C-alpha atoms as a PDB file:
ATOM      1  CA  MET A   1    -115.067  15.190 149.247  1.00  0.00           C
ATOM      2  CA  GLU A   2    -115.470  14.918 153.006  1.00  0.00           C
ATOM      3  CA  PHE A   3    -113.472  12.162 154.672  1.00  0.00           C
ATOM      4  CA  SER A   4    -115.910   9.809 156.374  1.00  0.00           C
ATOM      5  CA  HIS A   5    -115.315   6.299 157.595  1.00  0.00           C
ATOM      6  CA  GLU A   6    -117.249   4.155 160.040  1.00  0.00           C
ATOM      7  CA  SER A   7    -114.705   2.341 162.198  1.00  0.00           C
ATOM      8  CA  VAL A   8    -115.566  -1.351 162.346  1.00  0.00           C
ATOM      9  CA  LEU A   9    -115.568  -3.304 165.635  1.00  0.00           C
ATOM     10  CA  LEU A  10    -114.576  -0.089 167.392  1.00  0.00           C
ATOM     11  CA  LYS A  11    -115.491  -0.983 170.983  1.00  0.00           C
ATOM     12  CA  GLU A  12    -114.243  -4.552 170.642  1.00  0.00           C
ATOM     13  CA  ALA A  13    -110.860  -3.482 169.277  1.00  0.00           C
ATOM     14  CA  ILE A  14    -110.327  -0.756 171.875  1.00  0.00           C
ATOM     15  CA  ASP A  15    -111.353  -3.091 174.696  1.00  0.00           C
ATOM     16  CA  GLY A  16    -109.021  -5.721 173.234  1.00  0.00           C
ATOM     17  CA  LEU A  17    -106.020  -3.393 173.463  1.00  0.00           C
ATOM     18  CA  ARG A  18    -106.503  -3.035 177.263  1.00  0.00           C
ATOM     19  CA  ILE A  19    -105.066   0.474 177.130  1.00  0.00           C
ATOM     20  CA  VAL A  20    -102.833   1.696 179.971  1.00  0.00           C
ATOM     21  CA  GLY A  21    -102.874   5.482 180.374  1.00  0.00           C
ATOM     22  CA  GLY A  22     -99.114   5.948 180.215  1.00  0.00           C
ATOM     23  CA  GLY A  23     -98.505   3.361 177.499  1.00  0.00           C
ATOM     24  CA  ILE A  24     -97.250   3.674 173.940  1.00  0.00           C
ATOM     25  CA  TYR A  25     -99.653   2.550 171.212  1.00  0.00           C
ATOM     26  CA  VAL A  26     -99.557   2.330 167.440  1.00  0.00           C
ATOM     27  CA  ASP A  27    -102.494   2.659 165.076  1.00  0.00           C
ATOM     28  CA  GLY A  28    -100.906   1.242 161.940  1.00  0.00           C
ATOM     29  CA  THR A  29    -103.901   2.044 159.729  1.00  0.00           C
ATOM     30  CA  THR A  30    -105.095   5.413 161.003  1.00  0.00           C
ATOM     31  CA  GLY A  31    -107.548   6.144 158.194  1.00  0.00           C
ATOM     32  CA  GLY A  32    -110.101   8.699 159.378  1.00  0.00           C
ATOM     33  CA  GLY A  33    -108.886   8.359 162.966  1.00  0.00           C
ATOM     34  CA  GLY A  34    -111.901   6.541 164.419  1.00  0.00           C
ATOM     35  CA  HIS A  35    -109.847   3.993 166.348  1.00  0.00           C
ATOM     36  CA  SER A  36    -107.066   6.508 167.049  1.00  0.00           C
ATOM     37  CA  ILE A  37    -109.318   8.998 168.798  1.00  0.00           C
ATOM     38  CA  GLU A  38    -110.624   6.327 171.159  1.00  0.00           C
ATOM     39  CA  ILE A  39    -107.048   5.286 171.995  1.00  0.00           C
ATOM     40  CA  ALA A  40    -106.018   8.923 172.535  1.00  0.00           C
ATOM     41  CA  LYS A  41    -108.944   9.549 174.907  1.00  0.00           C
ATOM     42  CA  ARG A  42    -107.633   6.828 177.206  1.00  0.00           C
ATOM     43  CA  LEU A  43    -104.045   8.108 177.426  1.00  0.00           C
ATOM     44  CA  ASP A  44    -102.714  10.338 180.194  1.00  0.00           C
ATOM     45  CA  ASP A  45     -99.977  12.988 179.859  1.00  0.00           C
ATOM     46  CA  LYS A  46     -97.271  10.325 179.612  1.00  0.00           C
ATOM     47  CA  GLY A  47     -99.043   8.214 176.996  1.00  0.00           C
ATOM     48  CA  ARG A  48     -98.094   8.269 173.322  1.00  0.00           C
ATOM     49  CA  LEU A  49     -99.866   7.281 170.135  1.00  0.00           C
ATOM     50  CA  ILE A  50     -98.134   6.741 166.802  1.00  0.00           C
ATOM     51  CA  CYS A  51    -100.605   7.199 163.935  1.00  0.00           C
ATOM     52  CA  ILE A  52     -99.378   5.595 160.709  1.00  0.00           C
ATOM     53  CA  ASP A  53    -101.018   5.670 157.302  1.00  0.00           C
ATOM     54  CA  GLN A  54     -99.707   5.392 153.759  1.00  0.00           C
ATOM     55  CA  ASP A  55    -102.514   7.646 152.520  1.00  0.00           C
ATOM     56  CA  LYS A  56    -101.538  11.320 152.923  1.00  0.00           C
ATOM     57  CA  GLU A  57    -105.125  12.497 152.579  1.00  0.00           C
ATOM     58  CA  ALA A  58    -106.215  10.201 155.392  1.00  0.00           C
ATOM     59  CA  LEU A  59    -103.475  11.516 157.681  1.00  0.00           C
ATOM     60  CA  GLU A  60    -104.400  15.143 157.014  1.00  0.00           C
ATOM     61  CA  HIS A  61    -108.016  14.472 157.935  1.00  0.00           C
ATOM     62  CA  ALA A  62    -106.947  12.493 161.012  1.00  0.00           C
ATOM     63  CA  LYS A  63    -104.780  15.423 162.185  1.00  0.00           C
ATOM     64  CA  VAL A  64    -107.832  17.669 162.180  1.00  0.00           C
ATOM     65  CA  ARG A  65    -110.003  15.129 163.968  1.00  0.00           C
ATOM     66  CA  LEU A  66    -107.331  14.406 166.577  1.00  0.00           C
ATOM     67  CA  ALA A  67    -106.208  18.023 167.085  1.00  0.00           C
ATOM     68  CA  GLU A  68    -107.378  18.025 170.705  1.00  0.00           C
ATOM     69  CA  HIS A  69    -104.931  15.208 171.487  1.00  0.00           C
ATOM     70  CA  LYS A  70    -101.990  16.347 169.326  1.00  0.00           C
ATOM     71  CA  GLU A  71     -99.589  16.575 172.280  1.00  0.00           C
ATOM     72  CA  ASN A  72     -99.776  12.790 172.654  1.00  0.00           C
ATOM     73  CA  ILE A  73     -99.643  11.922 168.966  1.00  0.00           C
ATOM     74  CA  LYS A  74     -97.002  11.501 166.278  1.00  0.00           C
ATOM     75  CA  PHE A  75     -98.343  11.263 162.706  1.00  0.00           C
ATOM     76  CA  VAL A  76     -96.274   9.215 160.260  1.00  0.00           C
ATOM     77  CA  HIS A  77     -96.801   8.952 156.508  1.00  0.00           C
ATOM     78  CA  ASP A  78     -95.514   5.443 155.880  1.00  0.00           C
ATOM     79  CA  ASN A  79     -96.579   1.819 155.588  1.00  0.00           C
ATOM     80  CA  PHE A  80     -96.978  -0.208 158.802  1.00  0.00           C
ATOM     81  CA  TYR A  81     -94.626  -2.713 157.139  1.00  0.00           C
ATOM     82  CA  ASP A  82     -91.831  -0.327 158.163  1.00  0.00           C
ATOM     83  CA  LEU A  83     -92.878  -0.444 161.840  1.00  0.00           C
ATOM     84  CA  LYS A  84     -89.436  -1.179 163.296  1.00  0.00           C
ATOM     85  CA  ASN A  85     -87.825   1.758 161.507  1.00  0.00           C
ATOM     86  CA  ILE A  86     -90.696   4.075 162.409  1.00  0.00           C
ATOM     87  CA  LEU A  87     -90.299   3.240 166.093  1.00  0.00           C
ATOM     88  CA  ALA A  88     -86.507   3.589 165.929  1.00  0.00           C
ATOM     89  CA  ARG A  89     -86.779   7.023 164.274  1.00  0.00           C
ATOM     90  CA  ASN A  90     -89.016   8.151 167.113  1.00  0.00           C
ATOM     91  CA  GLY A  91     -86.787   6.772 169.867  1.00  0.00           C
ATOM     92  CA  ILE A  92     -89.233   4.055 170.897  1.00  0.00           C
ATOM     93  CA  GLU A  93     -87.910   0.676 172.024  1.00  0.00           C
ATOM     94  CA  LYS A  94     -91.095  -0.957 173.289  1.00  0.00           C
ATOM     95  CA  ILE A  95     -94.802  -0.453 172.669  1.00  0.00           C
ATOM     96  CA  ASN A  96     -97.850  -1.553 174.653  1.00  0.00           C
ATOM     97  CA  GLY A  97    -100.172  -2.223 171.765  1.00  0.00           C
ATOM     98  CA  LEU A  98    -100.728  -2.214 168.012  1.00  0.00           C
ATOM     99  CA  LEU A  99    -103.995  -1.947 166.103  1.00  0.00           C
ATOM    100  CA  LEU A 100    -104.362  -2.797 162.415  1.00  0.00           C
ATOM    101  CA  ASP A 101    -107.624  -2.332 160.518  1.00  0.00           C
ATOM    102  CA  LEU A 102    -106.877  -3.906 157.143  1.00  0.00           C
ATOM    103  CA  GLY A 103    -110.007  -2.680 155.385  1.00  0.00           C
ATOM    104  CA  VAL A 104    -110.193  -0.037 152.687  1.00  0.00           C
ATOM    105  CA  SER A 105    -111.772   3.117 154.106  1.00  0.00           C
ATOM    106  CA  SER A 106    -115.189   4.297 152.958  1.00  0.00           C
ATOM    107  CA  TYR A 107    -113.518   7.476 151.746  1.00  0.00           C
ATOM    108  CA  GLN A 108    -111.185   5.552 149.456  1.00  0.00           C
ATOM    109  CA  LEU A 109    -114.028   3.413 148.127  1.00  0.00           C
ATOM    110  CA  ASP A 110    -116.409   6.321 147.603  1.00  0.00           C
ATOM    111  CA  ASN A 111    -113.876   8.771 146.160  1.00  0.00           C
ATOM    112  CA  LYS A 112    -114.134   7.791 142.514  1.00  0.00           C
ATOM    113  CA  ASP A 113    -110.839   9.487 141.641  1.00  0.00           C
ATOM    114  CA  ARG A 114    -108.966   6.791 143.574  1.00  0.00           C
ATOM    115  CA  GLY A 115    -110.232   4.048 141.273  1.00  0.00           C
ATOM    116  CA  PHE A 116    -111.065   1.517 144.000  1.00  0.00           C
ATOM    117  CA  SER A 117    -114.766   1.175 143.248  1.00  0.00           C
ATOM    118  CA  TYR A 118    -116.432  -0.961 140.613  1.00  0.00           C
ATOM    119  CA  MET A 119    -119.577   1.146 141.067  1.00  0.00           C
ATOM    120  CA  GLN A 120    -118.115   4.378 139.643  1.00  0.00           C
ATOM    121  CA  ASP A 121    -116.164   5.043 136.456  1.00  0.00           C
ATOM    122  CA  ALA A 122    -112.664   6.376 137.119  1.00  0.00           C
ATOM    123  CA  PRO A 123    -109.055   5.955 135.966  1.00  0.00           C
ATOM    124  CA  LEU A 124    -107.588   2.582 137.001  1.00  0.00           C
ATOM    125  CA  ASP A 125    -105.460   3.451 140.036  1.00  0.00           C
ATOM    126  CA  MET A 126    -106.199   1.726 143.407  1.00  0.00           C
ATOM    127  CA  ARG A 127    -103.032   3.008 145.113  1.00  0.00           C
ATOM    128  CA  MET A 128    -103.401   3.619 148.838  1.00  0.00           C
ATOM    129  CA  ASP A 129    -100.142   5.556 148.684  1.00  0.00           C
ATOM    130  CA  ALA A 130    -100.318   7.827 145.644  1.00  0.00           C
ATOM    131  CA  SER A 131     -96.525   8.219 145.602  1.00  0.00           C
ATOM    132  CA  LYS A 132     -96.013   4.553 144.644  1.00  0.00           C
ATOM    133  CA  SER A 133     -95.522   3.687 140.980  1.00  0.00           C
ATOM    134  CA  LEU A 134     -97.560   0.491 140.530  1.00  0.00           C
ATOM    135  CA  THR A 135    -101.209   1.160 139.641  1.00  0.00           C
ATOM    136  CA  ALA A 136    -104.163  -0.984 138.634  1.00  0.00           C
ATOM    137  CA  TYR A 137    -103.616   0.271 135.070  1.00  0.00           C
ATOM    138  CA  GLU A 138    -100.185  -1.400 134.979  1.00  0.00           C
ATOM    139  CA  VAL A 139    -101.503  -4.627 136.492  1.00  0.00           C
ATOM    140  CA  VAL A 140    -104.383  -4.882 134.012  1.00  0.00           C
ATOM    141  CA  ASN A 141    -102.480  -3.783 130.913  1.00  0.00           C
ATOM    142  CA  THR A 142     -98.913  -5.033 131.353  1.00  0.00           C
ATOM    143  CA  TYR A 143     -98.997  -8.223 133.442  1.00  0.00           C
ATOM    144  CA  GLU A 144     -98.422 -11.395 131.455  1.00  0.00           C
ATOM    145  CA  LYS A 145    -101.489 -13.590 131.061  1.00  0.00           C
ATOM    146  CA  GLU A 146    -100.467 -16.254 133.590  1.00  0.00           C
ATOM    147  CA  LYS A 147     -99.373 -13.719 136.202  1.00  0.00           C
ATOM    148  CA  LEU A 148    -102.626 -11.787 135.934  1.00  0.00           C
ATOM    149  CA  LYS A 149    -104.613 -15.019 136.134  1.00  0.00           C
ATOM    150  CA  ARG A 150    -102.728 -16.025 139.302  1.00  0.00           C
ATOM    151  CA  VAL A 151    -103.422 -12.632 140.916  1.00  0.00           C
ATOM    152  CA  ILE A 152    -107.164 -12.805 140.225  1.00  0.00           C
ATOM    153  CA  GLN A 153    -107.410 -16.496 141.115  1.00  0.00           C
ATOM    154  CA  GLU A 154    -105.429 -16.368 144.367  1.00  0.00           C
ATOM    155  CA  TYR A 155    -106.170 -12.900 145.727  1.00  0.00           C
ATOM    156  CA  GLY A 156    -109.754 -12.678 144.480  1.00  0.00           C
ATOM    157  CA  GLU A 157    -110.618 -16.365 144.880  1.00  0.00           C
ATOM    158  CA  GLU A 158    -112.385 -15.907 141.554  1.00  0.00           C
ATOM    159  CA  ASN A 159    -113.586 -19.092 139.823  1.00  0.00           C
ATOM    160  CA  TRP A 160    -113.801 -17.331 136.468  1.00  0.00           C
ATOM    161  CA  ALA A 161    -110.245 -15.932 136.573  1.00  0.00           C
ATOM    162  CA  ALA A 162    -109.022 -17.684 133.428  1.00  0.00           C
ATOM    163  CA  ARG A 163    -111.987 -16.482 131.362  1.00  0.00           C
ATOM    164  CA  ILE A 164    -111.752 -12.925 132.739  1.00  0.00           C
ATOM    165  CA  VAL A 165    -108.056 -12.748 131.826  1.00  0.00           C
ATOM    166  CA  GLU A 166    -108.805 -14.110 128.350  1.00  0.00           C
ATOM    167  CA  PHE A 167    -111.318 -11.294 127.801  1.00  0.00           C
ATOM    168  CA  ILE A 168    -108.899  -8.714 129.248  1.00  0.00           C
ATOM    169  CA  GLU A 169    -106.141  -9.910 126.938  1.00  0.00           C
ATOM    170  CA  ASN A 170    -108.393  -9.717 123.881  1.00  0.00           C
ATOM    171  CA  GLU A 171    -109.396  -6.172 124.782  1.00  0.00           C
ATOM    172  CA  ARG A 172    -105.904  -4.873 125.522  1.00  0.00           C
ATOM    173  CA  LYS A 173    -104.693  -6.127 122.137  1.00  0.00           C
ATOM    174  CA  ILE A 174    -107.059  -3.581 120.612  1.00  0.00           C
ATOM    175  CA  LYS A 175    -106.503  -0.733 123.092  1.00  0.00           C
ATOM    176  CA  ALA A 176    -105.411  -0.108 126.655  1.00  0.00           C
ATOM    177  CA  ILE A 177    -108.017  -0.584 129.394  1.00  0.00           C
ATOM    178  CA  GLU A 178    -108.000   2.795 131.100  1.00  0.00           C
ATOM    179  CA  THR A 179    -110.959   3.025 133.463  1.00  0.00           C
ATOM    180  CA  THR A 180    -112.772   1.023 136.108  1.00  0.00           C
ATOM    181  CA  GLY A 181    -115.925   1.191 134.014  1.00  0.00           C
ATOM    182  CA  GLU A 182    -114.194  -0.412 131.046  1.00  0.00           C
ATOM    183  CA  LEU A 183    -112.837  -3.195 133.256  1.00  0.00           C
ATOM    184  CA  VAL A 184    -116.253  -3.836 134.813  1.00  0.00           C
ATOM    185  CA  GLU A 185    -117.828  -4.253 131.371  1.00  0.00           C
ATOM    186  CA  ILE A 186    -115.118  -6.727 130.337  1.00  0.00           C
ATOM    187  CA  ILE A 187    -115.666  -8.769 133.519  1.00  0.00           C
ATOM    188  CA  LYS A 188    -119.441  -8.796 132.958  1.00  0.00           C
ATOM    189  CA  LYS A 189    -118.927 -10.120 129.430  1.00  0.00           C
ATOM    190  CA  ALA A 190    -116.510 -12.783 130.683  1.00  0.00           C
ATOM    191  CA  ILE A 191    -118.748 -14.197 133.429  1.00  0.00           C
ATOM    192  CA  PRO A 192    -121.810 -16.061 132.071  1.00  0.00           C
ATOM    193  CA  SER A 193    -125.134 -14.415 132.880  1.00  0.00           C
ATOM    194  CA  LYS A 194    -126.307 -17.365 135.005  1.00  0.00           C
ATOM    195  CA  ALA A 195    -123.260 -16.988 137.267  1.00  0.00           C
ATOM    196  CA  ARG A 196    -123.934 -13.250 137.617  1.00  0.00           C
ATOM    197  CA  ARG A 197    -127.477 -13.607 138.916  1.00  0.00           C
ATOM    198  CA  ASP A 198    -126.574 -14.602 142.456  1.00  0.00           C
ATOM    199  CA  GLY A 199    -123.900 -13.453 144.873  1.00  0.00           C
ATOM    200  CA  PRO A 200    -121.868 -10.242 144.944  1.00  0.00           C
ATOM    201  CA  HIS A 201    -121.211  -7.818 142.097  1.00  0.00           C
ATOM    202  CA  PRO A 202    -119.391  -9.741 139.326  1.00  0.00           C
ATOM    203  CA  ALA A 203    -116.408  -7.401 139.460  1.00  0.00           C
ATOM    204  CA  LYS A 204    -115.981  -7.498 143.261  1.00  0.00           C
ATOM    205  CA  ARG A 205    -113.449 -10.329 143.450  1.00  0.00           C
ATOM    206  CA  THR A 206    -111.345  -9.127 140.535  1.00  0.00           C
ATOM    207  CA  PHE A 207    -111.180  -5.579 141.891  1.00  0.00           C
ATOM    208  CA  GLN A 208    -110.234  -6.948 145.322  1.00  0.00           C
ATOM    209  CA  ALA A 209    -107.452  -9.025 143.763  1.00  0.00           C
ATOM    210  CA  ILE A 210    -105.997  -6.132 141.773  1.00  0.00           C
ATOM    211  CA  ARG A 211    -106.136  -3.818 144.804  1.00  0.00           C
ATOM    212  CA  ILE A 212    -104.282  -6.392 146.917  1.00  0.00           C
ATOM    213  CA  GLU A 213    -101.614  -6.743 144.227  1.00  0.00           C
ATOM    214  CA  VAL A 214    -101.170  -2.988 143.774  1.00  0.00           C
ATOM    215  CA  ASN A 215    -100.721  -2.407 147.516  1.00  0.00           C
ATOM    216  CA  ASN A 216     -98.966  -5.699 148.416  1.00  0.00           C
ATOM    217  CA  GLU A 217    -101.572  -6.111 151.146  1.00  0.00           C
ATOM    218  CA  LEU A 218    -100.971  -9.781 151.936  1.00  0.00           C
ATOM    219  CA  GLY A 219     -97.192  -9.735 151.640  1.00  0.00           C
ATOM    220  CA  ILE A 220     -96.737  -7.384 154.573  1.00  0.00           C
ATOM    221  CA  ILE A 221     -99.002  -8.901 157.244  1.00  0.00           C
ATOM    222  CA  GLU A 222     -96.883 -11.739 158.640  1.00  0.00           C
ATOM    223  CA  ARG A 223     -93.691  -9.686 158.953  1.00  0.00           C
ATOM    224  CA  THR A 224     -95.546  -6.807 160.582  1.00  0.00           C
ATOM    225  CA  ILE A 225     -97.039  -9.126 163.217  1.00  0.00           C
ATOM    226  CA  LYS A 226     -93.613 -10.583 164.033  1.00  0.00           C
ATOM    227  CA  ASP A 227     -91.961  -7.155 164.117  1.00  0.00           C
ATOM    228  CA  ALA A 228     -94.702  -5.771 166.351  1.00  0.00           C
ATOM    229  CA  ILE A 229     -94.403  -8.619 168.847  1.00  0.00           C
ATOM    230  CA  SER A 230     -90.608  -8.241 168.949  1.00  0.00           C
ATOM    231  CA  CYS A 231     -91.097  -4.558 169.848  1.00  0.00           C
ATOM    232  CA  MET A 232     -93.838  -5.159 172.413  1.00  0.00           C
ATOM    233  CA  ASP A 233     -93.686  -5.108 176.190  1.00  0.00           C
ATOM    234  CA  LYS A 234     -94.989  -8.109 178.112  1.00  0.00           C
ATOM    235  CA  LYS A 235     -98.787  -8.088 178.364  1.00  0.00           C
ATOM    236  CA  GLY A 236     -98.914  -5.787 175.320  1.00  0.00           C
ATOM    237  CA  ARG A 237    -101.731  -6.522 172.886  1.00  0.00           C
ATOM    238  CA  ILE A 238    -101.979  -6.756 169.105  1.00  0.00           C
ATOM    239  CA  CYS A 239    -105.446  -6.368 167.567  1.00  0.00           C
ATOM    240  CA  ILE A 240    -105.992  -7.031 163.865  1.00  0.00           C
ATOM    241  CA  ILE A 241    -109.221  -6.523 161.927  1.00  0.00           C
ATOM    242  CA  THR A 242    -109.423  -8.353 158.602  1.00  0.00           C
ATOM    243  CA  PHE A 243    -112.031  -8.283 155.862  1.00  0.00           C
ATOM    244  CA  HIS A 244    -111.468 -11.372 153.761  1.00  0.00           C
ATOM    245  CA  SER A 245    -110.383 -14.941 154.228  1.00  0.00           C
ATOM    246  CA  LEU A 246    -106.846 -14.596 152.847  1.00  0.00           C
ATOM    247  CA  GLU A 247    -105.931 -11.877 155.356  1.00  0.00           C
ATOM    248  CA  ASP A 248    -107.624 -13.692 158.215  1.00  0.00           C
ATOM    249  CA  ARG A 249    -105.815 -16.941 157.387  1.00  0.00           C
ATOM    250  CA  ILE A 250    -102.420 -15.210 157.510  1.00  0.00           C
ATOM    251  CA  VAL A 251    -103.200 -13.595 160.880  1.00  0.00           C
ATOM    252  CA  LYS A 252    -104.592 -16.848 162.312  1.00  0.00           C
ATOM    253  CA  ASN A 253    -101.639 -18.973 161.157  1.00  0.00           C
ATOM    254  CA  THR A 254     -99.022 -16.423 162.258  1.00  0.00           C
ATOM    255  CA  PHE A 255    -100.610 -16.188 165.702  1.00  0.00           C
ATOM    256  CA  LYS A 256    -100.714 -19.992 165.975  1.00  0.00           C
ATOM    257  CA  TYR A 257     -97.038 -20.284 165.019  1.00  0.00           C
ATOM    258  CA  MET A 258     -95.968 -17.584 167.471  1.00  0.00           C
ATOM    259  CA  GLN A 259     -97.890 -19.260 170.297  1.00  0.00           C
ATOM    260  CA  LYS A 260     -96.051 -22.559 169.833  1.00  0.00           C
ATOM    261  CA  ASP A 261     -93.285 -23.587 172.239  1.00  0.00           C
ATOM    262  CA  CYS A 262     -91.857 -26.171 169.887  1.00  0.00           C
ATOM    263  CA  ILE A 263     -91.902 -26.778 166.123  1.00  0.00           C
ATOM    264  CA  CYS A 264     -89.993 -30.070 166.099  1.00  0.00           C
ATOM    265  CA  PRO A 265     -91.508 -33.037 164.194  1.00  0.00           C
ATOM    266  CA  PRO A 266     -93.798 -35.019 166.535  1.00  0.00           C
ATOM    267  CA  GLU A 267     -91.685 -38.162 166.127  1.00  0.00           C
ATOM    268  CA  LEU A 268     -88.678 -36.552 167.874  1.00  0.00           C
ATOM    269  CA  PRO A 269     -88.564 -37.715 171.529  1.00  0.00           C
ATOM    270  CA  VAL A 270     -86.794 -34.536 172.706  1.00  0.00           C
ATOM    271  CA  CYS A 271     -87.204 -30.950 171.517  1.00  0.00           C
ATOM    272  CA  LYS A 272     -84.258 -29.845 169.394  1.00  0.00           C
ATOM    273  CA  CYS A 273     -85.518 -26.462 168.210  1.00  0.00           C
ATOM    274  CA  ASP A 274     -84.966 -23.054 169.776  1.00  0.00           C
ATOM    275  CA  LYS A 275     -88.561 -21.963 169.289  1.00  0.00           C
ATOM    276  CA  LYS A 276     -90.042 -20.117 172.263  1.00  0.00           C
ATOM    277  CA  ARG A 277     -93.640 -19.125 172.826  1.00  0.00           C
ATOM    278  CA  GLU A 278     -94.005 -15.408 172.144  1.00  0.00           C
ATOM    279  CA  ILE A 279     -97.721 -14.752 172.450  1.00  0.00           C
ATOM    280  CA  LYS A 280    -100.935 -15.970 173.999  1.00  0.00           C
ATOM    281  CA  ILE A 281    -103.918 -15.974 171.664  1.00  0.00           C
ATOM    282  CA  ILE A 282    -106.785 -14.128 173.351  1.00  0.00           C
ATOM    283  CA  THR A 283    -109.461 -14.814 170.734  1.00  0.00           C
ATOM    284  CA  ARG A 284    -109.848 -18.567 170.213  1.00  0.00           C
ATOM    285  CA  LYS A 285    -112.388 -17.649 167.543  1.00  0.00           C
ATOM    286  CA  PRO A 286    -112.419 -14.241 165.841  1.00  0.00           C
ATOM    287  CA  ILE A 287    -114.761 -11.545 167.110  1.00  0.00           C
ATOM    288  CA  VAL A 288    -117.310 -10.541 164.462  1.00  0.00           C
ATOM    289  CA  PRO A 289    -119.669  -7.558 164.248  1.00  0.00           C
ATOM    290  CA  SER A 290    -123.094  -7.691 165.845  1.00  0.00           C
ATOM    291  CA  GLU A 291    -126.230  -7.698 163.724  1.00  0.00           C
ATOM    292  CA  ILE A 292    -126.868  -4.141 164.908  1.00  0.00           C
ATOM    293  CA  GLU A 293    -123.466  -2.973 163.627  1.00  0.00           C
ATOM    294  CA  ILE A 294    -123.943  -4.757 160.287  1.00  0.00           C
ATOM    295  CA  GLU A 295    -127.361  -3.143 159.902  1.00  0.00           C
ATOM    296  CA  LYS A 296    -125.835   0.301 160.509  1.00  0.00           C
ATOM    297  CA  ASN A 297    -122.733  -0.391 158.400  1.00  0.00           C
ATOM    298  CA  PRO A 298    -123.136  -3.204 155.829  1.00  0.00           C
ATOM    299  CA  ARG A 299    -119.412  -2.975 154.964  1.00  0.00           C
ATOM    300  CA  ALA A 300    -118.677  -4.443 158.386  1.00  0.00           C
ATOM    301  CA  ARG A 301    -120.278  -7.762 157.424  1.00  0.00           C
ATOM    302  CA  SER A 302    -117.048  -9.635 156.627  1.00  0.00           C
ATOM    303  CA  ALA A 303    -114.902  -8.137 159.416  1.00  0.00           C
ATOM    304  CA  LYS A 304    -113.064 -10.363 161.892  1.00  0.00           C
ATOM    305  CA  LEU A 305    -111.006  -9.278 164.886  1.00  0.00           C
ATOM    306  CA  ARG A 306    -108.192 -11.407 166.299  1.00  0.00           C
ATOM    307  CA  ILE A 307    -106.254 -10.467 169.438  1.00  0.00           C
ATOM    308  CA  ALA A 308    -102.985 -11.762 170.894  1.00  0.00           C
ATOM    309  CA  GLU A 309    -100.919 -10.828 173.952  1.00  0.00           C
ATOM    310  CA  ARG A 310     -97.141 -10.727 174.369  1.00  0.00           C
ATOM    311  CA  VAL A 311     -95.877 -13.208 176.987  1.00  0.00           C
END
């Protein structure tokens, strides 16, 4: 299928980076290249762009889309979690900006073979990097009851987690749960009909939780922010687009911690810690999509952009 993805908060994110023509920038979640191409357009002959994605298919499509700017670009099949090593391998000591769009691309959601969508029947997969071993099938069929409940409860913020896991466990005692369609039907049976009448699709939160677990999406955010800031020139910018509250909370709290000059208990009369302020938060409140953007792209509805600057 054709790779298509509507980049969310495109203008706001690019403006937030404050791109310098000769600077070095990293798009840690290249996807279809929507943000990358706008960064590349603003670079001069000395500028460089590192395009990272753990999805090989996404990178191949991005290479085609960005062919006109290939002299400025290095494509890297990896996870942005490995940012420091990626920069070291490419002889880069300092960067001028990093962009992370933490959403799942429309291509991944709509390509039923990837198993991300609860709207299409497909094998349980949900891997962003197909070379990794952990799949949604393993999570659903092999995780112990309490571990699976914790995943769905914490990552999906699902009130019916315990009941969903009970129904999953009953089913997998009979046979393995192999497809997204089978899982959706189990979730629908587990959630009472009254609770399914309002709000999002009943499987949305559970699928989100399993996807986060499969790809370790939350576990890599804080370290990546800290690594990026340590590799950033003064006045360099970090722009992060999140799509649910757990991601946004991690970004918000990490930014707040890195902006602090002191972390000593308030009762101490004199600062005893070595903590130094590393960033200035640019967005006191997150930037959200306009009504016009949401109307054009409903998947943008939950997006939030936070920006910080290296001091």
